[in-house]
Amino acid sequence: MKHLIKLYLVIIGFFVAVFLIMNLTGILSVEDITHFVNRLTREEKQIAFWVILVLLAVDVFFSVPTIFLVTSAGWLLGFWPGLLSSVTGMFLSGLTARIICTKIGGKLVKLVLGSDSQVAEVHRLFKRFGPAILTVSRALPMLPEATSCMAGIYRMPFWKFVFYYLLGTIPYASILVYFGSISSRENPYPALVAIVGMYVLLWSIWWFLVKRKK
């Protein structure tokens, strides 16, 4: 198990490094994104739809504030357009990570783990636990992208990747978009309750799965 965790930490470390570079250099900071989205109004629905979709899609490269964007999608677009924009953007991010790591992930695994026996052990563990991790990966920042990379590295069947990724993403987005849609700048509390509740729910599921799989 320690080799699986090691590989995850390396992948997440890469995303953290990109996030820090973007913020420290001022190329694209969280403050820039939140300020830009907050300037959008409900009358600018078409612009907001594509802005949120694109920002979520490039999350694999820039680590955008996903939970804020998904909640904002509900407030700016309403439930169904907000859900479509959010789920499409997040799926494109995960798909991009999977495709990239399918191409170059094998070399990364060899470099990080070294021996073929360790590579085989991580493959076995990810085959067993990968679907569950992918489903509840929204519990932690950067974990969805890292798990999508793992799915590419170890060639998880495409249908299985899509199924488990959306199994975790659609409920996540639905709850946040709904509470975002009934919130406003004057009354942001439904969205705030949804954000806190979502983390509590995901962490509870994560804890249950870890305890069950021990």
N, C-alpha and C. Protein backbone atom coordinates (compact mmCIF):
# COMPACT_ATOMS: atom_id res chain seq x y z
N MET A 1 0.82 -1.21 0.00
CA MET A 1 0.00 0.00 0.00
C MET A 1 0.86 1.27 0.00
N LYS A 2 2.03 1.19 0.63
CA LYS A 2 2.87 2.38 0.73
C LYS A 2 3.35 2.84 -0.66
N HIS A 3 3.50 1.90 -1.59
CA HIS A 3 3.94 2.28 -2.93
C HIS A 3 2.82 2.99 -3.69
N LEU A 4 1.58 2.57 -3.45
CA LEU A 4 0.43 3.26 -4.06
C LEU A 4 0.33 4.69 -3.53
N ILE A 5 0.50 4.84 -2.22
CA ILE A 5 0.46 6.17 -1.61
C ILE A 5 1.61 7.04 -2.12
N LYS A 6 2.77 6.44 -2.27
CA LYS A 6 3.93 7.17 -2.78
C LYS A 6 3.67 7.71 -4.17
N LEU A 7 3.10 6.89 -5.04
CA LEU A 7 2.81 7.33 -6.41
C LEU A 7 1.77 8.44 -6.40
N TYR A 8 0.75 8.30 -5.56
CA TYR A 8 -0.27 9.35 -5.43
C TYR A 8 0.36 10.67 -4.98
N LEU A 9 1.24 10.58 -4.01
CA LEU A 9 1.86 11.80 -3.48
C LEU A 9 2.71 12.50 -4.54
N VAL A 10 3.38 11.73 -5.37
CA VAL A 10 4.19 12.33 -6.44
C VAL A 10 3.29 13.05 -7.44
N ILE A 11 2.19 12.40 -7.83
CA ILE A 11 1.27 13.01 -8.80
C ILE A 11 0.63 14.27 -8.22
N ILE A 12 0.15 14.17 -6.98
CA ILE A 12 -0.47 15.33 -6.33
C ILE A 12 0.56 16.43 -6.12
N GLY A 13 1.80 16.04 -5.80
CA GLY A 13 2.86 17.03 -5.64
C GLY A 13 3.09 17.83 -6.90
N PHE A 14 2.97 17.16 -8.05
CA PHE A 14 3.11 17.87 -9.33
C PHE A 14 2.01 18.91 -9.48
N PHE A 15 0.76 18.54 -9.17
CA PHE A 15 -0.35 19.48 -9.28
C PHE A 15 -0.19 20.64 -8.30
N VAL A 16 0.29 20.34 -7.09
CA VAL A 16 0.53 21.39 -6.10
C VAL A 16 1.59 22.36 -6.60
N ALA A 17 2.65 21.83 -7.21
CA ALA A 17 3.72 22.69 -7.72
C ALA A 17 3.20 23.62 -8.81
N VAL A 18 2.39 23.08 -9.71
CA VAL A 18 1.79 23.91 -10.77
C VAL A 18 0.92 25.00 -10.16
N PHE A 19 0.11 24.61 -9.16
CA PHE A 19 -0.77 25.56 -8.47
C PHE A 19 0.03 26.70 -7.84
N LEU A 20 1.14 26.36 -7.16
CA LEU A 20 1.96 27.38 -6.52
C LEU A 20 2.63 28.29 -7.54
N ILE A 21 3.11 27.71 -8.62
CA ILE A 21 3.75 28.52 -9.67
C ILE A 21 2.76 29.52 -10.25
N MET A 22 1.56 29.05 -10.54
CA MET A 22 0.54 29.93 -11.13
C MET A 22 0.17 31.07 -10.18
N ASN A 23 0.07 30.75 -8.89
CA ASN A 23 -0.31 31.77 -7.91
C ASN A 23 0.84 32.73 -7.60
N LEU A 24 2.03 32.19 -7.43
CA LEU A 24 3.16 33.04 -7.06
C LEU A 24 3.61 33.95 -8.20
N THR A 25 3.49 33.46 -9.42
CA THR A 25 3.88 34.28 -10.58
C THR A 25 2.77 35.22 -11.02
N GLY A 26 1.56 34.99 -10.51
CA GLY A 26 0.43 35.84 -10.88
C GLY A 26 -0.15 35.53 -12.24
N ILE A 27 0.23 34.39 -12.84
CA ILE A 27 -0.32 34.01 -14.14
C ILE A 27 -1.82 33.78 -14.04
N LEU A 28 -2.22 33.00 -13.04
CA LEU A 28 -3.65 32.75 -12.81
C LEU A 28 -3.81 32.34 -11.36
N SER A 29 -4.33 33.26 -10.55
CA SER A 29 -4.49 32.98 -9.13
C SER A 29 -5.95 32.69 -8.80
N VAL A 30 -6.15 32.10 -7.63
CA VAL A 30 -7.51 31.84 -7.16
C VAL A 30 -8.28 33.15 -7.02
N GLU A 31 -7.60 34.19 -6.56
CA GLU A 31 -8.24 35.50 -6.40
C GLU A 31 -8.72 36.05 -7.75
N ASP A 32 -7.90 35.87 -8.78
CA ASP A 32 -8.29 36.32 -10.12
C ASP A 32 -9.57 35.62 -10.58
N ILE A 33 -9.62 34.30 -10.36
CA ILE A 33 -10.77 33.52 -10.81
C ILE A 33 -12.03 33.92 -10.04
N THR A 34 -11.92 34.00 -8.72
CA THR A 34 -13.10 34.35 -7.92
C THR A 34 -13.58 35.77 -8.24
N HIS A 35 -12.64 36.68 -8.43
CA HIS A 35 -13.02 38.06 -8.75
C HIS A 35 -13.73 38.12 -10.10
N PHE A 36 -13.22 37.39 -11.08
CA PHE A 36 -13.81 37.40 -12.41
C PHE A 36 -15.21 36.79 -12.40
N VAL A 37 -15.35 35.64 -11.73
CA VAL A 37 -16.66 34.98 -11.66
C VAL A 37 -17.67 35.82 -10.89
N ASN A 38 -17.22 36.46 -9.82
CA ASN A 38 -18.12 37.30 -9.03
C ASN A 38 -18.62 38.52 -9.80
N ARG A 39 -17.90 38.91 -10.83
CA ARG A 39 -18.33 40.04 -11.64
C ARG A 39 -19.41 39.65 -12.64
N LEU A 40 -19.56 38.36 -12.89
CA LEU A 40 -20.60 37.91 -13.82
C LEU A 40 -21.98 38.08 -13.17
N THR A 41 -22.97 38.34 -13.99
CA THR A 41 -24.34 38.49 -13.49
C THR A 41 -25.23 37.41 -14.09
N ARG A 42 -26.41 37.27 -13.54
CA ARG A 42 -27.35 36.25 -14.03
C ARG A 42 -27.81 36.53 -15.46
N GLU A 43 -27.67 37.77 -15.88
CA GLU A 43 -28.06 38.12 -17.24
C GLU A 43 -27.01 37.67 -18.27
N GLU A 44 -25.83 37.36 -17.80
CA GLU A 44 -24.75 36.95 -18.71
C GLU A 44 -24.62 35.42 -18.72
N LYS A 45 -25.74 34.74 -18.90
CA LYS A 45 -25.78 33.29 -18.77
C LYS A 45 -24.90 32.57 -19.78
N GLN A 46 -24.94 33.00 -21.02
CA GLN A 46 -24.16 32.32 -22.05
C GLN A 46 -22.66 32.43 -21.77
N ILE A 47 -22.24 33.63 -21.37
CA ILE A 47 -20.82 33.82 -21.03
C ILE A 47 -20.45 32.98 -19.81
N ALA A 48 -21.31 33.02 -18.78
CA ALA A 48 -21.03 32.29 -17.54
C ALA A 48 -20.95 30.78 -17.80
N PHE A 49 -21.83 30.27 -18.66
CA PHE A 49 -21.83 28.83 -18.97
C PHE A 49 -20.46 28.39 -19.48
N TRP A 50 -19.93 29.12 -20.45
CA TRP A 50 -18.66 28.73 -21.07
C TRP A 50 -17.47 29.04 -20.18
N VAL A 51 -17.55 30.13 -19.43
CA VAL A 51 -16.45 30.46 -18.51
C VAL A 51 -16.28 29.37 -17.47
N ILE A 52 -17.38 28.95 -16.85
CA ILE A 52 -17.31 27.92 -15.81
C ILE A 52 -16.88 26.59 -16.40
N LEU A 53 -17.43 26.23 -17.56
CA LEU A 53 -17.05 24.97 -18.21
C LEU A 53 -15.54 24.95 -18.50
N VAL A 54 -15.02 26.02 -19.11
CA VAL A 54 -13.61 26.06 -19.48
C VAL A 54 -12.70 26.06 -18.25
N LEU A 55 -13.06 26.83 -17.23
CA LEU A 55 -12.24 26.88 -16.02
C LEU A 55 -12.18 25.52 -15.34
N LEU A 56 -13.30 24.81 -15.29
CA LEU A 56 -13.30 23.48 -14.69
C LEU A 56 -12.53 22.48 -15.55
N ALA A 57 -12.59 22.66 -16.87
CA ALA A 57 -11.89 21.75 -17.77
C ALA A 57 -10.37 21.88 -17.64
N VAL A 58 -9.89 23.10 -17.38
CA VAL A 58 -8.44 23.30 -17.26
C VAL A 58 -7.95 23.11 -15.83
N ASP A 59 -8.83 22.61 -14.96
CA ASP A 59 -8.44 22.36 -13.57
C ASP A 59 -7.25 21.41 -13.50
N VAL A 60 -7.13 20.52 -14.45
CA VAL A 60 -6.02 19.57 -14.48
C VAL A 60 -4.68 20.28 -14.61
N PHE A 61 -4.68 21.49 -15.16
CA PHE A 61 -3.44 22.24 -15.33
C PHE A 61 -3.26 23.35 -14.30
N PHE A 62 -4.37 23.97 -13.84
CA PHE A 62 -4.26 25.18 -13.03
C PHE A 62 -4.84 25.08 -11.62
N SER A 63 -5.48 23.96 -11.26
CA SER A 63 -6.06 23.78 -9.92
C SER A 63 -6.98 24.94 -9.54
N VAL A 64 -8.09 25.03 -10.20
CA VAL A 64 -9.06 26.10 -9.94
C VAL A 64 -9.91 25.74 -8.73
N PRO A 65 -10.59 26.73 -8.12
CA PRO A 65 -11.45 26.45 -6.95
C PRO A 65 -12.76 25.79 -7.39
N THR A 66 -12.73 24.47 -7.52
CA THR A 66 -13.85 23.72 -8.11
C THR A 66 -15.16 23.93 -7.37
N ILE A 67 -15.14 23.80 -6.06
CA ILE A 67 -16.38 23.86 -5.29
C ILE A 67 -17.03 25.24 -5.41
N PHE A 68 -16.22 26.29 -5.49
CA PHE A 68 -16.75 27.65 -5.68
C PHE A 68 -17.37 27.80 -7.07
N LEU A 69 -16.70 27.26 -8.09
CA LEU A 69 -17.20 27.39 -9.45
C LEU A 69 -18.50 26.62 -9.65
N VAL A 70 -18.58 25.42 -9.09
CA VAL A 70 -19.79 24.61 -9.25
C VAL A 70 -20.97 25.28 -8.55
N THR A 71 -20.73 25.79 -7.36
CA THR A 71 -21.80 26.50 -6.64
C THR A 71 -22.21 27.77 -7.40
N SER A 72 -21.24 28.48 -7.94
CA SER A 72 -21.54 29.68 -8.72
C SER A 72 -22.34 29.36 -9.97
N ALA A 73 -22.08 28.18 -10.55
CA ALA A 73 -22.84 27.76 -11.73
C ALA A 73 -24.33 27.69 -11.43
N GLY A 74 -24.67 27.20 -10.25
CA GLY A 74 -26.08 27.14 -9.85
C GLY A 74 -26.68 28.52 -9.71
N TRP A 75 -25.94 29.42 -9.09
CA TRP A 75 -26.46 30.77 -8.87
C TRP A 75 -26.60 31.54 -10.18
N LEU A 76 -25.62 31.43 -11.07
CA LEU A 76 -25.61 32.21 -12.31
C LEU A 76 -26.49 31.62 -13.40
N LEU A 77 -26.59 30.28 -13.45
CA LEU A 77 -27.24 29.63 -14.59
C LEU A 77 -28.56 28.94 -14.26
N GLY A 78 -28.80 28.67 -12.99
CA GLY A 78 -29.94 27.82 -12.66
C GLY A 78 -29.49 26.36 -12.63
N PHE A 79 -30.40 25.48 -12.25
CA PHE A 79 -30.00 24.10 -11.97
C PHE A 79 -29.49 23.34 -13.19
N TRP A 80 -30.33 23.17 -14.21
CA TRP A 80 -29.95 22.29 -15.32
C TRP A 80 -28.78 22.83 -16.14
N PRO A 81 -28.80 24.10 -16.56
CA PRO A 81 -27.62 24.60 -17.27
C PRO A 81 -26.37 24.58 -16.41
N GLY A 82 -26.52 24.91 -15.12
CA GLY A 82 -25.38 24.88 -14.21
C GLY A 82 -24.82 23.48 -14.05
N LEU A 83 -25.72 22.50 -13.95
CA LEU A 83 -25.28 21.11 -13.82
C LEU A 83 -24.55 20.65 -15.08
N LEU A 84 -25.09 20.99 -16.25
CA LEU A 84 -24.46 20.61 -17.51
C LEU A 84 -23.08 21.23 -17.66
N SER A 85 -22.97 22.51 -17.36
CA SER A 85 -21.68 23.20 -17.45
C SER A 85 -20.66 22.60 -16.49
N SER A 86 -21.07 22.36 -15.27
CA SER A 86 -20.16 21.85 -14.23
C SER A 86 -19.69 20.44 -14.53
N VAL A 87 -20.64 19.54 -14.81
CA VAL A 87 -20.28 18.14 -15.04
C VAL A 87 -19.43 18.00 -16.30
N THR A 88 -19.78 18.74 -17.35
CA THR A 88 -18.99 18.67 -18.58
C THR A 88 -17.56 19.15 -18.34
N GLY A 89 -17.41 20.28 -17.65
CA GLY A 89 -16.08 20.80 -17.37
C GLY A 89 -15.25 19.86 -16.53
N MET A 90 -15.84 19.32 -15.46
CA MET A 90 -15.09 18.41 -14.58
C MET A 90 -14.73 17.11 -15.30
N PHE A 91 -15.66 16.62 -16.14
CA PHE A 91 -15.36 15.39 -16.88
C PHE A 91 -14.23 15.61 -17.87
N LEU A 92 -14.23 16.75 -18.56
CA LEU A 92 -13.14 17.04 -19.50
C LEU A 92 -11.80 17.13 -18.79
N SER A 93 -11.79 17.66 -17.57
CA SER A 93 -10.56 17.73 -16.79
C SER A 93 -10.04 16.32 -16.47
N GLY A 94 -10.93 15.47 -15.98
CA GLY A 94 -10.54 14.10 -15.66
C GLY A 94 -10.11 13.33 -16.90
N LEU A 95 -10.84 13.52 -18.00
CA LEU A 95 -10.50 12.83 -19.24
C LEU A 95 -9.14 13.26 -19.77
N THR A 96 -8.85 14.56 -19.68
CA THR A 96 -7.54 15.06 -20.12
C THR A 96 -6.42 14.44 -19.29
N ALA A 97 -6.62 14.39 -17.97
CA ALA A 97 -5.61 13.77 -17.10
C ALA A 97 -5.40 12.31 -17.47
N ARG A 98 -6.48 11.60 -17.73
CA ARG A 98 -6.38 10.18 -18.10
C ARG A 98 -5.61 10.00 -19.41
N ILE A 99 -5.93 10.82 -20.40
CA ILE A 99 -5.28 10.70 -21.71
C ILE A 99 -3.78 10.99 -21.61
N ILE A 100 -3.44 12.07 -20.90
CA ILE A 100 -2.02 12.43 -20.76
C ILE A 100 -1.24 11.33 -20.07
N CYS A 101 -1.80 10.80 -18.98
CA CYS A 101 -1.08 9.78 -18.23
C CYS A 101 -1.08 8.42 -18.92
N THR A 102 -2.04 8.19 -19.80
CA THR A 102 -1.99 6.98 -20.62
C THR A 102 -0.77 7.01 -21.53
N LYS A 103 -0.42 8.21 -22.00
CA LYS A 103 0.69 8.36 -22.94
C LYS A 103 2.05 8.33 -22.23
N ILE A 104 2.15 9.03 -21.10
CA ILE A 104 3.47 9.20 -20.47
C ILE A 104 3.57 8.60 -19.08
N GLY A 105 2.46 8.05 -18.57
CA GLY A 105 2.44 7.59 -17.18
C GLY A 105 3.36 6.42 -16.89
N GLY A 106 3.53 5.54 -17.89
CA GLY A 106 4.37 4.37 -17.68
C GLY A 106 5.79 4.74 -17.28
N LYS A 107 6.33 5.76 -17.91
CA LYS A 107 7.69 6.22 -17.59
C LYS A 107 7.76 6.80 -16.18
N LEU A 108 6.69 7.53 -15.80
CA LEU A 108 6.65 8.11 -14.45
C LEU A 108 6.64 7.01 -13.39
N VAL A 109 5.84 5.98 -13.61
CA VAL A 109 5.76 4.89 -12.64
C VAL A 109 7.11 4.21 -12.47
N LYS A 110 7.76 3.94 -13.58
CA LYS A 110 9.08 3.30 -13.53
C LYS A 110 10.08 4.17 -12.77
N LEU A 111 10.02 5.47 -13.02
CA LEU A 111 10.95 6.40 -12.37
C LEU A 111 10.70 6.48 -10.87
N VAL A 112 9.44 6.52 -10.47
CA VAL A 112 9.09 6.69 -9.06
C VAL A 112 9.25 5.40 -8.27
N LEU A 113 8.77 4.29 -8.82
CA LEU A 113 8.74 3.04 -8.08
C LEU A 113 9.97 2.16 -8.30
N GLY A 114 10.56 2.26 -9.47
CA GLY A 114 11.79 1.51 -9.73
C GLY A 114 11.56 0.09 -10.18
N SER A 115 11.31 -0.82 -9.27
CA SER A 115 11.26 -2.25 -9.59
C SER A 115 9.92 -2.65 -10.21
N ASP A 116 9.97 -3.70 -11.02
CA ASP A 116 8.76 -4.21 -11.66
C ASP A 116 7.79 -4.78 -10.63
N SER A 117 8.31 -5.34 -9.55
CA SER A 117 7.45 -5.92 -8.52
C SER A 117 6.61 -4.84 -7.84
N GLN A 118 7.20 -3.67 -7.61
CA GLN A 118 6.45 -2.58 -7.00
C GLN A 118 5.41 -2.02 -7.96
N VAL A 119 5.77 -1.95 -9.24
CA VAL A 119 4.82 -1.50 -10.25
C VAL A 119 3.63 -2.45 -10.30
N ALA A 120 3.90 -3.74 -10.27
CA ALA A 120 2.83 -4.75 -10.31
C ALA A 120 1.96 -4.68 -9.05
N GLU A 121 2.60 -4.42 -7.90
CA GLU A 121 1.83 -4.32 -6.65
C GLU A 121 0.86 -3.15 -6.68
N VAL A 122 1.34 -1.99 -7.15
CA VAL A 122 0.48 -0.81 -7.24
C VAL A 122 -0.64 -1.05 -8.24
N HIS A 123 -0.33 -1.73 -9.33
CA HIS A 123 -1.36 -2.06 -10.32
C HIS A 123 -2.46 -2.90 -9.69
N ARG A 124 -2.06 -3.89 -8.91
CA ARG A 124 -3.03 -4.76 -8.25
C ARG A 124 -3.90 -3.97 -7.26
N LEU A 125 -3.26 -3.12 -6.49
CA LEU A 125 -4.01 -2.33 -5.50
C LEU A 125 -4.97 -1.35 -6.17
N PHE A 126 -4.48 -0.68 -7.25
CA PHE A 126 -5.36 0.28 -7.90
C PHE A 126 -6.52 -0.43 -8.60
N LYS A 127 -6.27 -1.60 -9.13
CA LYS A 127 -7.36 -2.36 -9.76
C LYS A 127 -8.44 -2.68 -8.73
N ARG A 128 -8.02 -2.92 -7.49
CA ARG A 128 -8.98 -3.26 -6.43
C ARG A 128 -9.66 -2.03 -5.86
N PHE A 129 -8.89 -0.98 -5.58
CA PHE A 129 -9.44 0.18 -4.87
C PHE A 129 -9.75 1.37 -5.77
N GLY A 130 -9.22 1.36 -7.01
CA GLY A 130 -9.36 2.50 -7.91
C GLY A 130 -10.79 2.99 -8.10
N PRO A 131 -11.75 2.09 -8.40
CA PRO A 131 -13.12 2.56 -8.60
C PRO A 131 -13.70 3.30 -7.39
N ALA A 132 -13.43 2.78 -6.19
CA ALA A 132 -13.95 3.43 -4.98
C ALA A 132 -13.29 4.79 -4.77
N ILE A 133 -11.97 4.86 -4.98
CA ILE A 133 -11.26 6.13 -4.82
C ILE A 133 -11.77 7.15 -5.83
N LEU A 134 -11.97 6.71 -7.07
CA LEU A 134 -12.45 7.61 -8.11
C LEU A 134 -13.83 8.16 -7.77
N THR A 135 -14.67 7.33 -7.17
CA THR A 135 -16.04 7.74 -6.85
C THR A 135 -16.07 8.81 -5.76
N VAL A 136 -15.23 8.69 -4.74
CA VAL A 136 -15.26 9.63 -3.62
C VAL A 136 -14.08 10.60 -3.65
N SER A 137 -13.41 10.71 -4.80
CA SER A 137 -12.21 11.54 -4.88
C SER A 137 -12.48 13.03 -4.68
N ARG A 138 -13.74 13.46 -4.83
CA ARG A 138 -14.06 14.87 -4.61
C ARG A 138 -13.88 15.29 -3.16
N ALA A 139 -13.60 14.34 -2.27
CA ALA A 139 -13.40 14.68 -0.86
C ALA A 139 -12.14 15.49 -0.64
N LEU A 140 -11.19 15.41 -1.58
CA LEU A 140 -9.92 16.13 -1.41
C LEU A 140 -9.56 16.88 -2.68
N PRO A 141 -9.02 18.09 -2.55
CA PRO A 141 -8.56 18.81 -3.74
C PRO A 141 -7.47 18.02 -4.46
N MET A 142 -7.51 18.06 -5.78
CA MET A 142 -6.50 17.44 -6.67
C MET A 142 -6.58 15.92 -6.71
N LEU A 143 -7.35 15.30 -5.83
CA LEU A 143 -7.46 13.85 -5.86
C LEU A 143 -8.20 13.34 -7.11
N PRO A 144 -9.24 14.04 -7.60
CA PRO A 144 -9.88 13.56 -8.84
C PRO A 144 -8.91 13.52 -10.01
N GLU A 145 -8.08 14.56 -10.16
CA GLU A 145 -7.13 14.58 -11.26
C GLU A 145 -6.05 13.51 -11.08
N ALA A 146 -5.59 13.36 -9.83
CA ALA A 146 -4.56 12.34 -9.57
C ALA A 146 -5.09 10.94 -9.84
N THR A 147 -6.34 10.67 -9.44
CA THR A 147 -6.92 9.35 -9.67
C THR A 147 -7.20 9.13 -11.15
N SER A 148 -7.57 10.18 -11.86
CA SER A 148 -7.74 10.07 -13.31
C SER A 148 -6.41 9.73 -13.97
N CYS A 149 -5.32 10.33 -13.47
CA CYS A 149 -3.99 9.98 -13.96
C CYS A 149 -3.68 8.51 -13.71
N MET A 150 -4.00 8.05 -12.51
CA MET A 150 -3.77 6.65 -12.19
C MET A 150 -4.58 5.74 -13.11
N ALA A 151 -5.81 6.16 -13.43
CA ALA A 151 -6.65 5.37 -14.34
C ALA A 151 -6.01 5.29 -15.72
N GLY A 152 -5.33 6.34 -16.13
CA GLY A 152 -4.62 6.32 -17.41
C GLY A 152 -3.36 5.48 -17.35
N ILE A 153 -2.61 5.63 -16.27
CA ILE A 153 -1.36 4.88 -16.12
C ILE A 153 -1.62 3.38 -16.16
N TYR A 154 -2.65 2.95 -15.44
CA TYR A 154 -2.91 1.52 -15.32
C TYR A 154 -4.05 1.05 -16.23
N ARG A 155 -4.35 1.86 -17.24
CA ARG A 155 -5.26 1.45 -18.31
C ARG A 155 -6.60 0.94 -17.79
N MET A 156 -7.20 1.66 -16.85
CA MET A 156 -8.55 1.31 -16.43
C MET A 156 -9.46 1.36 -17.66
N PRO A 157 -10.30 0.37 -17.90
CA PRO A 157 -11.20 0.40 -19.06
C PRO A 157 -11.97 1.71 -19.13
N PHE A 158 -12.10 2.23 -20.33
CA PHE A 158 -12.69 3.56 -20.49
C PHE A 158 -14.11 3.63 -19.92
N TRP A 159 -14.92 2.61 -20.19
CA TRP A 159 -16.30 2.62 -19.70
C TRP A 159 -16.33 2.66 -18.17
N LYS A 160 -15.39 1.93 -17.55
CA LYS A 160 -15.33 1.91 -16.08
C LYS A 160 -14.90 3.27 -15.55
N PHE A 161 -13.92 3.89 -16.20
CA PHE A 161 -13.48 5.22 -15.79
C PHE A 161 -14.64 6.21 -15.86
N VAL A 162 -15.35 6.23 -16.99
CA VAL A 162 -16.48 7.16 -17.17
C VAL A 162 -17.55 6.89 -16.12
N PHE A 163 -17.88 5.62 -15.90
CA PHE A 163 -18.95 5.28 -14.96
C PHE A 163 -18.63 5.75 -13.55
N TYR A 164 -17.45 5.40 -13.03
CA TYR A 164 -17.13 5.73 -11.64
C TYR A 164 -16.81 7.21 -11.46
N TYR A 165 -16.23 7.82 -12.49
CA TYR A 165 -15.97 9.26 -12.40
C TYR A 165 -17.29 10.03 -12.31
N LEU A 166 -18.23 9.69 -13.17
CA LEU A 166 -19.53 10.38 -13.16
C LEU A 166 -20.37 9.98 -11.95
N LEU A 167 -20.18 8.75 -11.46
CA LEU A 167 -20.91 8.30 -10.28
C LEU A 167 -20.59 9.19 -9.08
N GLY A 168 -19.36 9.66 -9.01
CA GLY A 168 -19.00 10.58 -7.93
C GLY A 168 -19.24 12.03 -8.27
N THR A 169 -19.12 12.39 -9.54
CA THR A 169 -19.18 13.80 -9.95
C THR A 169 -20.61 14.32 -10.06
N ILE A 170 -21.52 13.54 -10.62
CA ILE A 170 -22.88 14.03 -10.84
C ILE A 170 -23.61 14.34 -9.53
N PRO A 171 -23.62 13.44 -8.53
CA PRO A 171 -24.25 13.80 -7.25
C PRO A 171 -23.59 15.01 -6.59
N TYR A 172 -22.27 15.03 -6.64
CA TYR A 172 -21.50 16.16 -6.08
C TYR A 172 -21.95 17.47 -6.71
N ALA A 173 -21.97 17.49 -8.04
CA ALA A 173 -22.36 18.71 -8.75
C ALA A 173 -23.83 19.04 -8.53
N SER A 174 -24.68 18.03 -8.51
CA SER A 174 -26.12 18.26 -8.36
C SER A 174 -26.45 18.98 -7.06
N ILE A 175 -25.84 18.52 -5.97
CA ILE A 175 -26.12 19.13 -4.67
C ILE A 175 -25.62 20.57 -4.62
N LEU A 176 -24.38 20.79 -5.07
CA LEU A 176 -23.81 22.14 -5.02
C LEU A 176 -24.53 23.09 -5.97
N VAL A 177 -24.85 22.63 -7.16
CA VAL A 177 -25.55 23.48 -8.12
C VAL A 177 -26.94 23.84 -7.61
N TYR A 178 -27.63 22.86 -7.03
CA TYR A 178 -28.98 23.15 -6.52
C TYR A 178 -28.94 24.22 -5.43
N PHE A 179 -28.07 24.04 -4.45
CA PHE A 179 -28.02 25.02 -3.37
C PHE A 179 -27.47 26.36 -3.86
N GLY A 180 -26.62 26.31 -4.86
CA GLY A 180 -26.18 27.57 -5.47
C GLY A 180 -27.33 28.27 -6.15
N SER A 181 -28.24 27.50 -6.77
CA SER A 181 -29.36 28.10 -7.51
C SER A 181 -30.38 28.76 -6.60
N ILE A 182 -30.43 28.35 -5.33
CA ILE A 182 -31.38 28.98 -4.41
C ILE A 182 -30.68 30.01 -3.50
N SER A 183 -29.45 30.32 -3.82
CA SER A 183 -28.69 31.32 -3.06
C SER A 183 -28.62 32.63 -3.85
N SER A 184 -28.12 33.64 -3.22
CA SER A 184 -27.89 34.93 -3.87
C SER A 184 -26.74 35.62 -3.16
N ARG A 185 -26.31 36.73 -3.71
CA ARG A 185 -25.22 37.47 -3.05
C ARG A 185 -25.70 38.00 -1.70
N GLU A 186 -26.99 38.29 -1.61
CA GLU A 186 -27.54 38.79 -0.35
C GLU A 186 -27.77 37.65 0.65
N ASN A 187 -28.00 36.43 0.13
CA ASN A 187 -28.25 35.28 0.99
C ASN A 187 -27.43 34.07 0.51
N PRO A 188 -26.14 34.05 0.85
CA PRO A 188 -25.27 32.97 0.38
C PRO A 188 -25.31 31.72 1.26
N TYR A 189 -26.15 31.74 2.32
CA TYR A 189 -26.09 30.68 3.31
C TYR A 189 -26.46 29.29 2.79
N PRO A 190 -27.47 29.15 1.90
CA PRO A 190 -27.71 27.79 1.36
C PRO A 190 -26.49 27.20 0.68
N ALA A 191 -25.76 28.00 -0.08
CA ALA A 191 -24.55 27.51 -0.74
C ALA A 191 -23.48 27.14 0.27
N LEU A 192 -23.32 27.96 1.30
CA LEU A 192 -22.31 27.68 2.33
C LEU A 192 -22.64 26.39 3.08
N VAL A 193 -23.94 26.19 3.39
CA VAL A 193 -24.37 24.96 4.05
C VAL A 193 -24.08 23.76 3.16
N ALA A 194 -24.33 23.89 1.86
CA ALA A 194 -24.09 22.79 0.92
C ALA A 194 -22.61 22.44 0.85
N ILE A 195 -21.76 23.46 0.85
CA ILE A 195 -20.32 23.21 0.77
C ILE A 195 -19.83 22.44 2.00
N VAL A 196 -20.24 22.91 3.19
CA VAL A 196 -19.84 22.22 4.42
C VAL A 196 -20.43 20.81 4.45
N GLY A 197 -21.72 20.70 4.11
CA GLY A 197 -22.38 19.40 4.12
C GLY A 197 -21.75 18.43 3.15
N MET A 198 -21.33 18.92 1.99
CA MET A 198 -20.70 18.06 0.99
C MET A 198 -19.40 17.47 1.52
N TYR A 199 -18.57 18.30 2.14
CA TYR A 199 -17.31 17.79 2.69
C TYR A 199 -17.56 16.77 3.81
N VAL A 200 -18.55 17.05 4.65
CA VAL A 200 -18.87 16.10 5.73
C VAL A 200 -19.32 14.77 5.14
N LEU A 201 -20.18 14.82 4.12
CA LEU A 201 -20.69 13.60 3.49
C LEU A 201 -19.57 12.81 2.83
N LEU A 202 -18.73 13.48 2.04
CA LEU A 202 -17.65 12.79 1.34
C LEU A 202 -16.63 12.19 2.30
N TRP A 203 -16.31 12.95 3.35
CA TRP A 203 -15.36 12.42 4.33
C TRP A 203 -15.95 11.24 5.10
N SER A 204 -17.27 11.25 5.33
CA SER A 204 -17.92 10.11 5.99
C SER A 204 -17.86 8.87 5.12
N ILE A 205 -18.12 9.03 3.82
CA ILE A 205 -18.04 7.90 2.89
C ILE A 205 -16.61 7.39 2.82
N TRP A 206 -15.66 8.33 2.74
CA TRP A 206 -14.24 7.96 2.68
C TRP A 206 -13.84 7.16 3.91
N TRP A 207 -14.23 7.63 5.08
CA TRP A 207 -13.91 6.95 6.33
C TRP A 207 -14.52 5.55 6.35
N PHE A 208 -15.76 5.42 5.89
CA PHE A 208 -16.44 4.12 5.87
C PHE A 208 -15.71 3.15 4.95
N LEU A 209 -15.31 3.62 3.76
CA LEU A 209 -14.63 2.75 2.81
C LEU A 209 -13.27 2.31 3.33
N VAL A 210 -12.52 3.25 3.92
CA VAL A 210 -11.21 2.90 4.47
C VAL A 210 -11.35 1.87 5.59
N LYS A 211 -12.32 2.08 6.47
CA LYS A 211 -12.54 1.15 7.57
C LYS A 211 -12.96 -0.23 7.05
N ARG A 212 -13.79 -0.22 6.02
CA ARG A 212 -14.29 -1.48 5.46
C ARG A 212 -13.20 -2.25 4.73
N LYS A 213 -12.30 -1.53 4.05
CA LYS A 213 -11.27 -2.19 3.23
C LYS A 213 -10.03 -2.56 4.02
N LYS A 214 -9.93 -2.15 5.28
CA LYS A 214 -8.71 -2.45 6.05
C LYS A 214 -8.48 -3.95 6.16
